[in-house]
Protein backbone atom coordinates (compact mmCIF):
# COMPACT_ATOMS: atom_id res chain seq x y z
CA MET A 1 124.26 175.98 118.08
CA PHE A 2 122.88 172.70 118.25
CA PRO A 3 118.84 171.18 117.68
CA GLN A 4 117.74 170.14 120.45
CA SER A 5 117.39 166.59 119.64
CA GLN A 6 121.33 166.58 118.86
CA ILE A 7 121.84 168.15 122.11
CA GLN A 8 119.64 165.27 123.76
CA GLU A 9 122.38 162.82 122.14
CA PHE A 10 125.47 164.64 123.26
CA LYS A 11 123.86 164.25 126.50
CA GLU A 12 123.41 160.63 126.58
CA ALA A 13 127.24 160.14 125.07
CA PHE A 14 127.90 162.25 127.76
CA GLY A 15 126.28 160.30 130.68
CA MET A 16 128.54 157.11 129.13
CA MET A 17 131.34 159.07 129.27
CA ASP A 18 130.93 159.88 133.02
CA MET A 19 131.35 157.04 134.27
CA ASP A 20 131.69 157.55 138.00
CA ARG A 21 128.49 159.94 137.54
CA ASP A 22 130.13 163.05 139.08
CA GLY A 23 128.81 165.40 136.53
CA PHE A 24 132.01 165.76 134.87
CA VAL A 25 134.93 163.43 132.58
CA SER A 26 137.72 162.90 134.29
CA GLU A 27 141.05 161.43 133.14
CA ALA A 28 140.27 158.27 135.16
CA ASP A 29 136.54 158.21 132.83
CA LEU A 30 138.57 158.50 129.88
CA LYS A 31 140.73 155.57 130.94
CA GLY A 32 137.62 153.52 131.36
CA ILE A 33 136.38 154.54 128.59
CA HIS A 34 139.23 153.40 126.42
CA ASN A 35 139.64 150.16 128.62
CA ASP A 36 136.27 149.61 127.54
CA LEU A 37 136.85 149.65 123.89
CA GLY A 38 139.84 147.78 124.16
CA ARG A 39 142.10 150.65 124.00
CA ASN A 40 145.26 151.49 126.88
CA PRO A 41 146.40 154.91 126.57
CA SER A 42 149.02 156.81 128.39
CA ASP A 43 147.97 158.97 131.27
CA LYS A 44 150.05 161.70 128.81
CA ASP A 45 147.68 160.97 126.06
CA LEU A 46 144.57 161.29 128.68
CA LYS A 47 146.39 164.32 130.13
CA GLU A 48 146.52 165.75 126.68
CA MET A 49 143.02 165.10 125.40
CA LEU A 50 141.73 166.71 128.90
CA LYS A 51 143.54 169.72 128.39
CA GLU A 52 141.32 170.58 125.13
CA CYS A 53 139.18 171.88 128.38
CA PRO A 54 139.73 174.60 130.19
CA GLY A 55 139.09 173.89 133.58
CA GLN A 56 137.06 170.76 134.77
CA LEU A 57 134.65 168.60 132.01
CA ASN A 58 131.79 169.02 132.73
CA PHE A 59 127.95 169.09 130.43
CA THR A 60 128.24 172.43 129.32
CA ALA A 61 132.42 172.55 128.42
CA PHE A 62 131.39 169.25 126.39
CA LEU A 63 128.99 170.59 124.64
CA THR A 64 130.92 173.70 123.48
CA LEU A 65 133.67 171.69 122.70
CA PHE A 66 131.75 169.96 120.68
CA GLY A 67 130.43 172.26 118.53
CA GLU A 68 133.93 173.70 118.19
CA LYS A 69 135.08 171.16 117.00
CA MET A 70 132.13 170.56 114.75
CA HIS A 71 132.00 173.80 113.30
CA GLY A 72 136.29 173.52 112.36
CA THR A 73 136.04 170.17 110.90
CA ASP A 74 135.63 169.64 106.95
CA SER A 75 132.75 171.01 104.98
CA GLU A 76 130.07 168.13 104.04
CA THR A 77 131.53 168.91 99.94
CA THR A 78 135.14 167.51 101.40
CA PHE A 79 133.41 165.04 103.47
CA LYS A 80 131.05 163.56 100.46
CA GLN A 81 134.82 163.90 98.26
CA ALA A 82 136.49 161.47 100.50
CA PHE A 83 133.93 158.70 100.30
CA GLU A 84 133.29 159.23 96.61
CA GLN A 85 137.29 158.40 96.32
CA PHE A 86 135.67 154.51 96.92
CA ASP A 87 132.42 155.37 94.67
CA PRO A 88 133.98 155.61 91.00
CA GLU A 89 130.92 156.36 90.42
CA LYS A 90 129.50 158.94 92.18
CA LYS A 91 126.59 157.39 93.04
CA GLY A 92 126.57 158.54 96.93
CA LYS A 93 126.07 155.12 98.14
CA LEU A 94 128.54 151.51 99.12
CA THR A 95 127.51 148.24 99.64
CA GLU A 96 127.36 147.11 102.97
CA GLU A 97 130.23 144.85 102.31
CA TYR A 98 132.33 147.06 100.87
CA VAL A 99 132.33 149.39 103.66
CA LYS A 100 132.72 146.80 106.59
CA ASP A 101 136.06 145.59 104.53
CA LEU A 102 137.32 148.52 104.46
CA LEU A 103 136.13 149.50 108.43
CA LEU A 104 138.39 146.09 108.93
CA ASN A 105 141.31 146.67 106.68
CA VAL A 106 142.12 149.56 105.86
CA GLY A 107 143.68 152.29 107.76
CA ASP A 108 142.58 152.77 111.84
CA GLN A 109 141.11 149.12 111.34
CA PHE A 110 137.52 149.06 113.46
CA LYS A 111 136.50 145.80 115.77
CA GLU A 112 133.19 144.05 114.97
CA GLU A 113 131.61 145.87 117.75
CA GLU A 114 132.71 149.12 116.60
CA ILE A 115 131.64 148.63 112.91
CA ARG A 116 128.13 147.66 115.13
CA GLN A 117 128.05 151.10 116.55
CA VAL A 118 128.30 152.67 113.09
CA TRP A 119 125.70 150.40 111.68
CA LYS A 120 123.16 151.63 114.20
CA GLU A 121 123.28 155.16 112.63
CA ALA A 122 124.85 154.77 109.42
CA GLY A 123 121.06 154.01 108.16
CA ILE A 124 122.40 150.57 106.16
CA LYS A 125 119.31 149.97 104.15
CA GLY A 126 119.09 146.59 101.93
CA GLY A 127 123.10 145.96 102.30
CA VAL A 128 123.58 149.49 100.82
CA PHE A 129 125.60 152.41 102.60
CA ASP A 130 124.06 155.87 101.98
CA TYR A 131 127.17 158.14 102.56
CA GLU A 132 125.46 161.50 101.39
CA ALA A 133 122.38 160.61 103.71
CA PHE A 134 125.53 159.48 106.53
CA VAL A 135 127.51 162.88 106.27
CA THR A 136 124.43 165.00 106.44
CA LEU A 137 123.46 163.18 109.59
CA VAL A 138 127.29 163.63 110.76
CA LYS A 139 127.27 167.30 110.15
CA ARG A 140 123.98 168.39 110.89
CA GLY A 141 122.77 166.16 113.12
CA PRO A 142 119.21 164.02 112.14
CA GLN A 143 116.55 165.48 109.59
CA ASP A 144 113.25 165.26 109.91
CA ASP A 145 111.59 163.08 107.24
CA VAL A 146 108.82 165.67 106.90
CA ALA A 147 109.63 168.12 103.57
CA GLN A 148 109.51 171.84 105.01
């Protein structure tokens, strides 16, 4: 379902979420993650999150859920079209400052730390956010730079 490199990334993410290191993501783990992000979800919300997984949420179940969610997400075209709403010339790129301003001030506003985390993966070069490359990363995982 996923390339090995992406499975490894999911394993690292799962490891960060499994705060008590027992091999399962529990309600307490989810609460801790949200608290670390400055959020305070209700117990009801935490239970709802875990309801998506039948049984306990171990790494295999986590990977299965991600597969189901990713295959149920919008197509690459739809995803790119969403970015194009902010790119009237359809260049496939936006300035870093413009994207940062959008994330800080529009919709579900990001915190500075959340933006730093996005920037690690976004591949910003020379102050430019390449949203076409970002969509490919999100939908297909990291791509080898070597032409095939």
